PDB file of N, CA and C in Angstrom:
ATOM      1  N   MET A   1      -8.408  65.789  -2.841  1.00  0.00           N
ATOM      2  CA  MET A   1      -7.169  65.355  -3.443  1.00  0.00           C
ATOM      3  C   MET A   1      -6.088  66.376  -3.073  1.00  0.00           C
ATOM      4  N   THR A   2      -4.981  65.884  -2.608  1.00  0.00           N
ATOM      5  CA  THR A   2      -3.914  66.779  -2.171  1.00  0.00           C
ATOM      6  C   THR A   2      -2.943  67.052  -3.310  1.00  0.00           C
ATOM      7  N   ALA A   3      -2.136  68.085  -3.106  1.00  0.00           N
ATOM      8  CA  ALA A   3      -1.118  68.437  -4.098  1.00  0.00           C
ATOM      9  C   ALA A   3      -0.103  67.299  -4.233  1.00  0.00           C
ATOM     10  N   TRP A   4       0.218  66.628  -3.117  1.00  0.00           N
ATOM     11  CA  TRP A   4       1.177  65.520  -3.169  1.00  0.00           C
ATOM     12  C   TRP A   4       0.631  64.374  -4.020  1.00  0.00           C
ATOM     13  N   THR A   5      -0.648  64.086  -3.889  1.00  0.00           N
ATOM     14  CA  THR A   5      -1.250  63.011  -4.684  1.00  0.00           C
ATOM     15  C   THR A   5      -1.161  63.332  -6.173  1.00  0.00           C
ATOM     16  N   LEU A   6      -1.464  64.560  -6.523  1.00  0.00           N
ATOM     17  CA  LEU A   6      -1.383  64.962  -7.932  1.00  0.00           C
ATOM     18  C   LEU A   6       0.055  64.926  -8.439  1.00  0.00           C
ATOM     19  N   LEU A   7       1.001  65.393  -7.631  1.00  0.00           N
ATOM     20  CA  LEU A   7       2.411  65.371  -8.024  1.00  0.00           C
ATOM     21  C   LEU A   7       2.906  63.938  -8.165  1.00  0.00           C
ATOM     22  N   HIS A   8       2.579  63.096  -7.199  1.00  0.00           N
ATOM     23  CA  HIS A   8       2.973  61.688  -7.245  1.00  0.00           C
ATOM     24  C   HIS A   8       2.403  61.015  -8.496  1.00  0.00           C
ATOM     25  N   THR A   9       1.151  61.288  -8.793  1.00  0.00           N
ATOM     26  CA  THR A   9       0.515  60.698  -9.967  1.00  0.00           C
ATOM     27  C   THR A   9       1.168  61.197 -11.244  1.00  0.00           C
ATOM     28  N   TRP A  10       1.489  62.474 -11.305  1.00  0.00           N
ATOM     29  CA  TRP A  10       2.108  63.045 -12.495  1.00  0.00           C
ATOM     30  C   TRP A  10       3.513  62.483 -12.714  1.00  0.00           C
ATOM     31  N   LEU A  11       4.273  62.320 -11.625  1.00  0.00           N
ATOM     32  CA  LEU A  11       5.650  61.841 -11.748  1.00  0.00           C
ATOM     33  C   LEU A  11       5.737  60.338 -12.005  1.00  0.00           C
ATOM     34  N   TRP A  12       5.002  59.542 -11.237  1.00  0.00           N
ATOM     35  CA  TRP A  12       5.188  58.098 -11.265  1.00  0.00           C
ATOM     36  C   TRP A  12       3.979  57.301 -11.710  1.00  0.00           C
ATOM     37  N   GLY A  13       2.869  57.962 -12.000  1.00  0.00           N
ATOM     38  CA  GLY A  13       1.669  57.228 -12.368  1.00  0.00           C
ATOM     39  C   GLY A  13       1.568  56.949 -13.850  1.00  0.00           C
ATOM     40  N   GLU A  14       1.166  55.746 -14.169  1.00  0.00           N
ATOM     41  CA  GLU A  14       0.895  55.353 -15.548  1.00  0.00           C
ATOM     42  C   GLU A  14      -0.611  55.157 -15.669  1.00  0.00           C
ATOM     43  N   PRO A  15      -1.307  55.972 -16.483  1.00  0.00           N
ATOM     44  CA  PRO A  15      -2.762  55.841 -16.567  1.00  0.00           C
ATOM     45  C   PRO A  15      -3.164  54.491 -17.141  1.00  0.00           C
ATOM     46  N   MET A  16      -4.138  53.860 -16.486  1.00  0.00           N
ATOM     47  CA  MET A  16      -4.596  52.541 -16.910  1.00  0.00           C
ATOM     48  C   MET A  16      -6.020  52.573 -17.461  1.00  0.00           C
ATOM     49  N   GLY A  17      -6.761  53.621 -17.157  1.00  0.00           N
ATOM     50  CA  GLY A  17      -8.114  53.717 -17.679  1.00  0.00           C
ATOM     51  C   GLY A  17      -9.007  54.521 -16.760  1.00  0.00           C
ATOM     52  N   ALA A  18     -10.278  54.570 -17.131  1.00  0.00           N
ATOM     53  CA  ALA A  18     -11.283  55.302 -16.362  1.00  0.00           C
ATOM     54  C   ALA A  18     -12.567  54.497 -16.366  1.00  0.00           C
ATOM     55  N   ASP A  19     -13.429  54.785 -15.405  1.00  0.00           N
ATOM     56  CA  ASP A  19     -14.713  54.076 -15.345  1.00  0.00           C
ATOM     57  C   ASP A  19     -15.848  55.014 -15.720  1.00  0.00           C
ATOM     58  N   SER A  20     -17.067  54.521 -15.639  1.00  0.00           N
ATOM     59  CA  SER A  20     -18.237  55.299 -16.038  1.00  0.00           C
ATOM     60  C   SER A  20     -18.526  56.451 -15.086  1.00  0.00           C
ATOM     61  N   PHE A  21     -17.965  56.430 -13.870  1.00  0.00           N
ATOM     62  CA  PHE A  21     -18.172  57.511 -12.909  1.00  0.00           C
ATOM     63  C   PHE A  21     -17.167  58.643 -13.098  1.00  0.00           C
ATOM     64  N   GLY A  22     -16.161  58.447 -13.954  1.00  0.00           N
ATOM     65  CA  GLY A  22     -15.135  59.459 -14.166  1.00  0.00           C
ATOM     66  C   GLY A  22     -13.899  59.264 -13.308  1.00  0.00           C
ATOM     67  N   ASN A  23     -13.854  58.199 -12.510  1.00  0.00           N
ATOM     68  CA  ASN A  23     -12.667  57.889 -11.710  1.00  0.00           C
ATOM     69  C   ASN A  23     -11.557  57.442 -12.650  1.00  0.00           C
ATOM     70  N   ARG A  24     -10.312  57.833 -12.339  1.00  0.00           N
ATOM     71  CA  ARG A  24      -9.167  57.446 -13.160  1.00  0.00           C
ATOM     72  C   ARG A  24      -8.260  56.525 -12.361  1.00  0.00           C
ATOM     73  N   TYR A  25      -7.730  55.504 -13.032  1.00  0.00           N
ATOM     74  CA  TYR A  25      -6.934  54.461 -12.370  1.00  0.00           C
ATOM     75  C   TYR A  25      -5.505  54.503 -12.890  1.00  0.00           C
ATOM     76  N   TYR A  26      -4.554  54.287 -11.954  1.00  0.00           N
ATOM     77  CA  TYR A  26      -3.135  54.378 -12.273  1.00  0.00           C
ATOM     78  C   TYR A  26      -2.376  53.223 -11.637  1.00  0.00           C
ATOM     79  N   ARG A  27      -1.194  52.960 -12.211  1.00  0.00           N
ATOM     80  CA  ARG A  27      -0.235  52.063 -11.561  1.00  0.00           C
ATOM     81  C   ARG A  27       1.115  52.757 -11.582  1.00  0.00           C
ATOM     82  N   ASP A  28       1.961  52.372 -10.656  1.00  0.00           N
ATOM     83  CA  ASP A  28       3.269  52.991 -10.495  1.00  0.00           C
ATOM     84  C   ASP A  28       4.218  52.470 -11.570  1.00  0.00           C
ATOM     85  N   LYS A  29       4.837  53.381 -12.309  1.00  0.00           N
ATOM     86  CA  LYS A  29       5.789  52.995 -13.360  1.00  0.00           C
ATOM     87  C   LYS A  29       6.979  52.245 -12.781  1.00  0.00           C
ATOM     88  N   ARG A  30       7.347  52.585 -11.541  1.00  0.00           N
ATOM     89  CA  ARG A  30       8.547  51.988 -10.930  1.00  0.00           C
ATOM     90  C   ARG A  30       8.321  50.548 -10.480  1.00  0.00           C
ATOM     91  N   THR A  31       7.077  50.176 -10.190  1.00  0.00           N
ATOM     92  CA  THR A  31       6.803  48.816  -9.699  1.00  0.00           C
ATOM     93  C   THR A  31       6.046  47.975 -10.723  1.00  0.00           C
ATOM     94  N   ARG A  32       5.957  48.439 -11.966  1.00  0.00           N
ATOM     95  CA  ARG A  32       5.225  47.734 -13.008  1.00  0.00           C
ATOM     96  C   ARG A  32       5.750  46.309 -13.175  1.00  0.00           C
ATOM     97  N   GLY A  33       4.837  45.350 -13.159  1.00  0.00           N
ATOM     98  CA  GLY A  33       5.201  43.960 -13.359  1.00  0.00           C
ATOM     99  C   GLY A  33       5.693  43.241 -12.125  1.00  0.00           C
ATOM    100  N   GLN A  34       5.928  43.947 -11.040  1.00  0.00           N
ATOM    101  CA  GLN A  34       6.376  43.300  -9.812  1.00  0.00           C
ATOM    102  C   GLN A  34       5.187  42.648  -9.105  1.00  0.00           C
ATOM    103  N   LYS A  35       5.506  41.796  -8.152  1.00  0.00           N
ATOM    104  CA  LYS A  35       4.456  41.084  -7.429  1.00  0.00           C
ATOM    105  C   LYS A  35       3.535  42.045  -6.681  1.00  0.00           C
ATOM    106  N   ARG A  36       4.090  43.076  -6.059  1.00  0.00           N
ATOM    107  CA  ARG A  36       3.291  44.048  -5.300  1.00  0.00           C
ATOM    108  C   ARG A  36       3.236  45.384  -6.046  1.00  0.00           C
ATOM    109  N   GLU A  37       2.787  45.335  -7.263  1.00  0.00           N
ATOM    110  CA  GLU A  37       2.646  46.540  -8.075  1.00  0.00           C
ATOM    111  C   GLU A  37       1.698  47.519  -7.389  1.00  0.00           C
ATOM    112  N   ARG A  38       2.084  48.780  -7.326  1.00  0.00           N
ATOM    113  CA  ARG A  38       1.246  49.797  -6.665  1.00  0.00           C
ATOM    114  C   ARG A  38       0.194  50.295  -7.639  1.00  0.00           C
ATOM    115  N   ARG A  39      -1.064  50.313  -7.188  1.00  0.00           N
ATOM    116  CA  ARG A  39      -2.187  50.765  -8.002  1.00  0.00           C
ATOM    117  C   ARG A  39      -3.047  51.693  -7.171  1.00  0.00           C
ATOM    118  N   TRP A  40      -3.631  52.699  -7.801  1.00  0.00           N
ATOM    119  CA  TRP A  40      -4.498  53.617  -7.075  1.00  0.00           C
ATOM    120  C   TRP A  40      -5.529  54.235  -8.000  1.00  0.00           C
ATOM    121  N   VAL A  41      -6.478  54.925  -7.377  1.00  0.00           N
ATOM    122  CA  VAL A  41      -7.568  55.579  -8.092  1.00  0.00           C
ATOM    123  C   VAL A  41      -7.629  57.038  -7.681  1.00  0.00           C
ATOM    124  N   LEU A  42      -7.901  57.899  -8.646  1.00  0.00           N
ATOM    125  CA  LEU A  42      -8.198  59.302  -8.377  1.00  0.00           C
ATOM    126  C   LEU A  42      -9.694  59.469  -8.618  1.00  0.00           C
ATOM    127  N   TYR A  43     -10.419  59.741  -7.555  1.00  0.00           N
ATOM    128  CA  TYR A  43     -11.870  59.850  -7.644  1.00  0.00           C
ATOM    129  C   TYR A  43     -12.275  61.156  -8.300  1.00  0.00           C
ATOM    130  N   LYS A  44     -13.355  61.101  -9.047  1.00  0.00           N
ATOM    131  CA  LYS A  44     -13.957  62.327  -9.570  1.00  0.00           C
ATOM    132  C   LYS A  44     -14.940  62.793  -8.510  1.00  0.00           C
ATOM    133  N   GLY A  45     -14.707  63.952  -7.959  1.00  0.00           N
ATOM    134  CA  GLY A  45     -15.566  64.453  -6.894  1.00  0.00           C
ATOM    135  C   GLY A  45     -15.169  63.856  -5.554  1.00  0.00           C
ATOM    136  N   LYS A  46     -16.169  63.570  -4.742  1.00  0.00           N
ATOM    137  CA  LYS A  46     -15.933  63.053  -3.394  1.00  0.00           C
ATOM    138  C   LYS A  46     -15.323  61.645  -3.441  1.00  0.00           C
ATOM    139  N   ALA A  47     -14.320  61.419  -2.621  1.00  0.00           N
ATOM    140  CA  ALA A  47     -13.682  60.099  -2.560  1.00  0.00           C
ATOM    141  C   ALA A  47     -14.598  59.138  -1.816  1.00  0.00           C
ATOM    142  N   GLU A  48     -15.182  58.212  -2.547  1.00  0.00           N
ATOM    143  CA  GLU A  48     -16.105  57.240  -1.966  1.00  0.00           C
ATOM    144  C   GLU A  48     -15.790  55.865  -2.545  1.00  0.00           C
ATOM    145  N   GLY A  49     -15.362  54.964  -1.688  1.00  0.00           N
ATOM    146  CA  GLY A  49     -14.963  53.634  -2.136  1.00  0.00           C
ATOM    147  C   GLY A  49     -16.063  52.850  -2.820  1.00  0.00           C
ATOM    148  N   SER A  50     -17.316  53.099  -2.475  1.00  0.00           N
ATOM    149  CA  SER A  50     -18.400  52.343  -3.105  1.00  0.00           C
ATOM    150  C   SER A  50     -18.646  52.791  -4.538  1.00  0.00           C
ATOM    151  N   ALA A  51     -17.988  53.864  -4.985  1.00  0.00           N
ATOM    152  CA  ALA A  51     -18.143  54.332  -6.355  1.00  0.00           C
ATOM    153  C   ALA A  51     -17.147  53.668  -7.305  1.00  0.00           C
ATOM    154  N   VAL A  52     -16.416  52.679  -6.840  1.00  0.00           N
ATOM    155  CA  VAL A  52     -15.488  51.926  -7.689  1.00  0.00           C
ATOM    156  C   VAL A  52     -16.217  50.683  -8.186  1.00  0.00           C
ATOM    157  N   PRO A  53     -16.384  50.532  -9.513  1.00  0.00           N
ATOM    158  CA  PRO A  53     -17.063  49.348 -10.045  1.00  0.00           C
ATOM    159  C   PRO A  53     -16.318  48.065  -9.687  1.00  0.00           C
ATOM    160  N   PRO A  54     -17.031  46.943  -9.614  1.00  0.00           N
ATOM    161  CA  PRO A  54     -16.404  45.676  -9.214  1.00  0.00           C
ATOM    162  C   PRO A  54     -15.202  45.277 -10.070  1.00  0.00           C
ATOM    163  N   GLN A  55     -15.265  45.526 -11.384  1.00  0.00           N
ATOM    164  CA  GLN A  55     -14.152  45.136 -12.261  1.00  0.00           C
ATOM    165  C   GLN A  55     -12.891  45.916 -11.905  1.00  0.00           C
ATOM    166  N   TRP A  56     -13.046  47.212 -11.631  1.00  0.00           N
ATOM    167  CA  TRP A  56     -11.886  48.017 -11.267  1.00  0.00           C
ATOM    168  C   TRP A  56     -11.424  47.701  -9.861  1.00  0.00           C
ATOM    169  N   ASN A  57     -12.345  47.369  -8.978  1.00  0.00           N
ATOM    170  CA  ASN A  57     -11.957  46.985  -7.622  1.00  0.00           C
ATOM    171  C   ASN A  57     -11.112  45.715  -7.655  1.00  0.00           C
ATOM    172  N   ALA A  58     -11.487  44.772  -8.501  1.00  0.00           N
ATOM    173  CA  ALA A  58     -10.701  43.545  -8.641  1.00  0.00           C
ATOM    174  C   ALA A  58      -9.290  43.868  -9.127  1.00  0.00           C
ATOM    175  N   TRP A  59      -9.167  44.814 -10.044  1.00  0.00           N
ATOM    176  CA  TRP A  59      -7.840  45.201 -10.530  1.00  0.00           C
ATOM    177  C   TRP A  59      -7.047  45.900  -9.427  1.00  0.00           C
ATOM    178  N   LEU A  60      -7.687  46.816  -8.680  1.00  0.00           N
ATOM    179  CA  LEU A  60      -6.990  47.512  -7.593  1.00  0.00           C
ATOM    180  C   LEU A  60      -6.499  46.542  -6.522  1.00  0.00           C
ATOM    181  N   GLN A  61      -7.282  45.503  -6.235  1.00  0.00           N
ATOM    182  CA  GLN A  61      -6.934  44.531  -5.200  1.00  0.00           C
ATOM    183  C   GLN A  61      -6.026  43.415  -5.718  1.00  0.00           C
ATOM    184  N   ARG A  62      -5.609  43.515  -6.984  1.00  0.00           N
ATOM    185  CA  ARG A  62      -4.729  42.538  -7.637  1.00  0.00           C
ATOM    186  C   ARG A  62      -5.358  41.158  -7.778  1.00  0.00           C
ATOM    187  N   THR A  63      -6.681  41.118  -7.870  1.00  0.00           N
ATOM    188  CA  THR A  63      -7.357  39.844  -8.128  1.00  0.00           C
ATOM    189  C   THR A  63      -7.170  39.465  -9.589  1.00  0.00           C
ATOM    190  N   VAL A  64      -7.134  40.467 -10.455  1.00  0.00           N
ATOM    191  CA  VAL A  64      -6.863  40.259 -11.878  1.00  0.00           C
ATOM    192  C   VAL A  64      -5.611  41.043 -12.241  1.00  0.00           C
ATOM    193  N   VAL A  65      -4.909  40.587 -13.270  1.00  0.00           N
ATOM    194  CA  VAL A  65      -3.654  41.217 -13.665  1.00  0.00           C
ATOM    195  C   VAL A  65      -3.908  42.398 -14.596  1.00  0.00           C
ATOM    196  N   GLU A  66      -4.765  42.199 -15.588  1.00  0.00           N
ATOM    197  CA  GLU A  66      -5.026  43.228 -16.588  1.00  0.00           C
ATOM    198  C   GLU A  66      -6.196  44.103 -16.175  1.00  0.00           C
ATOM    199  N   PRO A  67      -6.118  45.404 -16.459  1.00  0.00           N
ATOM    200  CA  PRO A  67      -7.258  46.277 -16.153  1.00  0.00           C
ATOM    201  C   PRO A  67      -8.441  45.915 -17.045  1.00  0.00           C
ATOM    202  N   PRO A  68      -9.650  46.153 -16.584  1.00  0.00           N
ATOM    203  CA  PRO A  68     -10.822  45.775 -17.378  1.00  0.00           C
ATOM    204  C   PRO A  68     -10.969  46.644 -18.621  1.00  0.00           C
ATOM    205  N   SER A  69     -11.488  46.037 -19.653  1.00  0.00           N
ATOM    206  CA  SER A  69     -11.783  46.797 -20.865  1.00  0.00           C
ATOM    207  C   SER A  69     -13.225  47.286 -20.768  1.00  0.00           C
ATOM    208  N   PRO A  70     -13.565  48.345 -21.487  1.00  0.00           N
ATOM    209  CA  PRO A  70     -14.930  48.872 -21.392  1.00  0.00           C
ATOM    210  C   PRO A  70     -16.005  47.844 -21.766  1.00  0.00           C
ATOM    211  N   ALA A  71     -15.697  46.920 -22.648  1.00  0.00           N
ATOM    212  CA  ALA A  71     -16.687  45.926 -23.068  1.00  0.00           C
ATOM    213  C   ALA A  71     -16.622  44.643 -22.239  1.00  0.00           C
ATOM    214  N   ALA A  72     -15.766  44.610 -21.224  1.00  0.00           N
ATOM    215  CA  ALA A  72     -15.556  43.386 -20.456  1.00  0.00           C
ATOM    216  C   ALA A  72     -16.781  42.949 -19.659  1.00  0.00           C
ATOM    217  N   ALA A  73     -17.514  43.888 -19.112  1.00  0.00           N
ATOM    218  CA  ALA A  73     -18.653  43.533 -18.267  1.00  0.00           C
ATOM    219  C   ALA A  73     -19.908  44.259 -18.751  1.00  0.00           C
ATOM    220  N   PRO A  74     -20.715  43.593 -19.542  1.00  0.00           N
ATOM    221  CA  PRO A  74     -21.945  44.243 -19.994  1.00  0.00           C
ATOM    222  C   PRO A  74     -22.907  44.458 -18.828  1.00  0.00           C
ATOM    223  N   ARG A  75     -23.691  45.499 -18.915  1.00  0.00           N
ATOM    224  CA  ARG A  75     -24.656  45.820 -17.858  1.00  0.00           C
ATOM    225  C   ARG A  75     -25.809  44.829 -17.926  1.00  0.00           C
ATOM    226  N   ARG A  76     -26.130  44.251 -16.775  1.00  0.00           N
ATOM    227  CA  ARG A  76     -27.229  43.295 -16.678  1.00  0.00           C
ATOM    228  C   ARG A  76     -28.544  44.041 -16.481  1.00  0.00           C
ATOM    229  N   PRO A  77     -29.669  43.466 -16.936  1.00  0.00           N
ATOM    230  CA  PRO A  77     -30.950  44.165 -16.793  1.00  0.00           C
ATOM    231  C   PRO A  77     -31.371  44.368 -15.340  1.00  0.00           C
ATOM    232  N   TRP A  78     -30.894  43.517 -14.421  1.00  0.00           N
ATOM    233  CA  TRP A  78     -31.287  43.626 -13.019  1.00  0.00           C
ATOM    234  C   TRP A  78     -30.418  44.593 -12.231  1.00  0.00           C
ATOM    235  N   GLN A  79     -29.333  45.090 -12.817  1.00  0.00           N
ATOM    236  CA  GLN A  79     -28.441  45.996 -12.107  1.00  0.00           C
ATOM    237  C   GLN A  79     -29.052  47.393 -12.022  1.00  0.00           C
ATOM    238  N   LYS A  80     -28.920  47.985 -10.845  1.00  0.00           N
ATOM    239  CA  LYS A  80     -29.418  49.337 -10.628  1.00  0.00           C
ATOM    240  C   LYS A  80     -28.254  50.315 -10.706  1.00  0.00           C
ATOM    241  N   PRO A  81     -28.538  51.592 -11.016  1.00  0.00           N
ATOM    242  CA  PRO A  81     -27.445  52.569 -11.010  1.00  0.00           C
ATOM    243  C   PRO A  81     -26.906  52.786  -9.602  1.00  0.00           C
ATOM    244  N   HIS A  82     -25.673  53.223  -9.522  1.00  0.00           N
ATOM    245  CA  HIS A  82     -25.014  53.426  -8.236  1.00  0.00           C
ATOM    246  C   HIS A  82     -25.696  54.525  -7.431  1.00  0.00           C
ATOM    247  N   VAL A  83     -25.898  54.270  -6.157  1.00  0.00           N
ATOM    248  CA  VAL A  83     -26.403  55.261  -5.208  1.00  0.00           C
ATOM    249  C   VAL A  83     -25.397  55.310  -4.063  1.00  0.00           C
ATOM    250  N   PRO A  84     -24.895  56.494  -3.717  1.00  0.00           N
ATOM    251  CA  PRO A  84     -23.916  56.561  -2.631  1.00  0.00           C
ATOM    252  C   PRO A  84     -24.546  56.187  -1.297  1.00  0.00           C
ATOM    253  N   ASN A  85     -23.707  55.894  -0.324  1.00  0.00           N
ATOM    254  CA  ASN A  85     -24.172  55.567   1.014  1.00  0.00           C
ATOM    255  C   ASN A  85     -24.859  56.794   1.603  1.00  0.00           C
ATOM    256  N   LEU A  86     -26.131  56.674   1.957  1.00  0.00           N
ATOM    257  CA  LEU A  86     -26.919  57.811   2.427  1.00  0.00           C
ATOM    258  C   LEU A  86     -26.969  57.924   3.945  1.00  0.00           C
ATOM    259  N   THR A  87     -26.247  57.080   4.659  1.00  0.00           N
ATOM    260  CA  THR A  87     -26.239  57.144   6.112  1.00  0.00           C
ATOM    261  C   THR A  87     -25.770  58.525   6.570  1.00  0.00           C
ATOM    262  N   GLY A  88     -26.500  59.103   7.503  1.00  0.00           N
ATOM    263  CA  GLY A  88     -26.147  60.411   8.027  1.00  0.00           C
ATOM    264  C   GLY A  88     -26.698  61.569   7.227  1.00  0.00           C
ATOM    265  N   THR A  89     -27.447  61.295   6.165  1.00  0.00           N
ATOM    266  CA  THR A  89     -28.040  62.360   5.368  1.00  0.00           C
ATOM    267  C   THR A  89     -29.551  62.378   5.578  1.00  0.00           C
ATOM    268  N   ALA A  90     -30.194  63.386   5.043  1.00  0.00           N
ATOM    269  CA  ALA A  90     -31.652  63.484   5.165  1.00  0.00           C
ATOM    270  C   ALA A  90     -32.360  62.389   4.376  1.00  0.00           C
ATOM    271  N   GLN A  91     -31.700  61.796   3.376  1.00  0.00           N
ATOM    272  CA  GLN A  91     -32.307  60.748   2.562  1.00  0.00           C
ATOM    273  C   GLN A  91     -32.101  59.346   3.136  1.00  0.00           C
ATOM    274  N   ALA A  92     -31.457  59.229   4.280  1.00  0.00           N
ATOM    275  CA  ALA A  92     -31.188  57.918   4.878  1.00  0.00           C
ATOM    276  C   ALA A  92     -32.501  57.235   5.272  1.00  0.00           C
ATOM    277  N   TYR A  93     -32.503  55.902   5.252  1.00  0.00           N
ATOM    278  CA  TYR A  93     -33.678  55.151   5.651  1.00  0.00           C
ATOM    279  C   TYR A  93     -33.889  55.287   7.156  1.00  0.00           C
ATOM    280  N   ARG A  94     -35.121  55.566   7.514  1.00  0.00           N
ATOM    281  CA  ARG A  94     -35.505  55.640   8.927  1.00  0.00           C
ATOM    282  C   ARG A  94     -36.733  54.774   9.113  1.00  0.00           C
ATOM    283  N   PRO A  95     -36.663  53.759   9.943  1.00  0.00           N
ATOM    284  CA  PRO A  95     -37.806  52.860  10.121  1.00  0.00           C
ATOM    285  C   PRO A  95     -38.964  53.571  10.809  1.00  0.00           C
ATOM    286  N   PRO A  96     -40.156  53.005  10.707  1.00  0.00           N
ATOM    287  CA  PRO A  96     -41.292  53.599  11.403  1.00  0.00           C
ATOM    288  C   PRO A  96     -41.000  53.677  12.903  1.00  0.00           C
ATOM    289  N   GLY A  97     -41.324  54.797  13.512  1.00  0.00           N
ATOM    290  CA  GLY A  97     -41.077  54.979  14.927  1.00  0.00           C
ATOM    291  C   GLY A  97     -39.782  55.697  15.224  1.00  0.00           C
ATOM    292  N   HIS A  98     -38.952  55.917  14.235  1.00  0.00           N
ATOM    293  CA  HIS A  98     -37.697  56.630  14.445  1.00  0.00           C
ATOM    294  C   HIS A  98     -38.019  58.063  14.863  1.00  0.00           C
ATOM    295  N   THR A  99     -37.248  58.609  15.785  1.00  0.00           N
ATOM    296  CA  THR A  99     -37.538  59.949  16.301  1.00  0.00           C
ATOM    297  C   THR A  99     -37.460  61.024  15.220  1.00  0.00           C
ATOM    298  N   LEU A 100     -36.637  60.835  14.217  1.00  0.00           N
ATOM    299  CA  LEU A 100     -36.524  61.830  13.157  1.00  0.00           C
ATOM    300  C   LEU A 100     -37.587  61.680  12.073  1.00  0.00           C
ATOM    301  N   SER A 101     -38.379  60.611  12.142  1.00  0.00           N
ATOM    302  CA  SER A 101     -39.467  60.459  11.174  1.00  0.00           C
ATOM    303  C   SER A 101     -40.822  60.498  11.869  1.00  0.00           C
ATOM    304  N   GLY A 102     -40.943  61.260  12.915  1.00  0.00           N
ATOM    305  CA  GLY A 102     -42.221  61.445  13.579  1.00  0.00           C
ATOM    306  C   GLY A 102     -42.328  60.774  14.930  1.00  0.00           C
ATOM    307  N   GLY A 103     -41.585  59.721  15.170  1.00  0.00           N
ATOM    308  CA  GLY A 103     -41.590  59.049  16.464  1.00  0.00           C
ATOM    309  C   GLY A 103     -42.821  58.212  16.739  1.00  0.00           C
ATOM    310  N   ARG A 104     -43.667  57.986  15.748  1.00  0.00           N
ATOM    311  CA  ARG A 104     -44.865  57.170  15.942  1.00  0.00           C
ATOM    312  C   ARG A 104     -44.704  55.864  15.173  1.00  0.00           C
ATOM    313  N   ARG A 105     -45.176  54.804  15.779  1.00  0.00           N
ATOM    314  CA  ARG A 105     -45.169  53.510  15.089  1.00  0.00           C
ATOM    315  C   ARG A 105     -46.484  52.821  15.381  1.00  0.00           C
ATOM    316  N   ASP A 106     -46.774  51.799  14.595  1.00  0.00           N
ATOM    317  CA  ASP A 106     -47.988  51.021  14.824  1.00  0.00           C
ATOM    318  C   ASP A 106     -47.883  50.317  16.165  1.00  0.00           C
ATOM    319  N   ARG A 107     -49.026  50.116  16.770  1.00  0.00           N
ATOM    320  CA  ARG A 107     -49.033  49.410  18.046  1.00  0.00           C
ATOM    321  C   ARG A 107     -48.570  47.981  17.825  1.00  0.00           C
ATOM    322  N   ALA A 108     -47.874  47.459  18.820  1.00  0.00           N
ATOM    323  CA  ALA A 108     -47.385  46.081  18.744  1.00  0.00           C
ATOM    324  C   ALA A 108     -48.554  45.132  18.947  1.00  0.00           C
ATOM    325  N   SER A 109     -48.329  43.860  18.678  1.00  0.00           N
ATOM    326  CA  SER A 109     -49.390  42.864  18.856  1.00  0.00           C
ATOM    327  C   SER A 109     -49.823  42.833  20.325  1.00  0.00           C
ATOM    328  N   GLY A 110     -50.950  42.259  20.614  1.00  0.00           N
ATOM    329  CA  GLY A 110     -51.545  42.302  21.941  1.00  0.00           C
ATOM    330  C   GLY A 110     -50.753  41.621  23.029  1.00  0.00           C
ATOM    331  N   ASP A 111     -49.772  40.764  22.690  1.00  0.00           N
ATOM    332  CA  ASP A 111     -49.045  40.047  23.737  1.00  0.00           C
ATOM    333  C   ASP A 111     -47.798  40.796  24.206  1.00  0.00           C
ATOM    334  N   TYR A 112     -47.613  41.988  23.758  1.00  0.00           N
ATOM    335  CA  TYR A 112     -46.423  42.745  24.152  1.00  0.00           C
ATOM    336  C   TYR A 112     -46.706  43.516  25.434  1.00  0.00           C
ATOM    337  N   GLU A 113     -45.831  43.343  26.421  1.00  0.00           N
ATOM    338  CA  GLU A 113     -45.920  44.113  27.661  1.00  0.00           C
ATOM    339  C   GLU A 113     -44.548  44.668  27.975  1.00  0.00           C
ATOM    340  N   PRO A 114     -44.414  45.972  28.049  1.00  0.00           N
ATOM    341  CA  PRO A 114     -43.085  46.527  28.338  1.00  0.00           C
ATOM    342  C   PRO A 114     -42.658  46.219  29.763  1.00  0.00           C
ATOM    343  N   TRP A 115     -41.394  46.030  29.964  1.00  0.00           N
ATOM    344  CA  TRP A 115     -40.848  45.756  31.282  1.00  0.00           C
ATOM    345  C   TRP A 115     -40.857  47.035  32.094  1.00  0.00           C
ATOM    346  N   THR A 116     -41.273  46.965  33.320  1.00  0.00           N
ATOM    347  CA  THR A 116     -41.202  48.108  34.232  1.00  0.00           C
ATOM    348  C   THR A 116     -40.553  47.645  35.513  1.00  0.00           C
ATOM    349  N   PRO A 117     -39.624  48.406  36.029  1.00  0.00           N
ATOM    350  CA  PRO A 117     -38.964  47.987  37.276  1.00  0.00           C
ATOM    351  C   PRO A 117     -39.933  48.050  38.448  1.00  0.00           C
ATOM    352  N   SER A 118     -39.812  47.151  39.420  1.00  0.00           N
ATOM    353  CA  SER A 118     -40.712  47.147  40.583  1.00  0.00           C
ATOM    354  C   SER A 118     -40.156  47.987  41.694  1.00  0.00           C
TER     355      SER A 118
END
């Protein structure tokens, strides 16, 4: 988060709420009620778009007019807790045979023949 973002938020931001991850949501006091009202989020910790819950994402994208209330979307039993995108980390999924997970895979079925140039 830059100093300009904090200054801009302090001067022109109207707090609209926070989510369970600690992200805070704002709208611009100067454009309140206009068709293209400016809305933004200040992330807690690393800025990661996948850490914005669907209800708040709908508000940021202007799909809904009013910000979500804490009781608006109850947690469903099938919902899992948020996990950040692990691509590029040691915890990323690597299929069998991947060079970083040993480079060995099960043999293919008997009808497989690799192409070799003549």
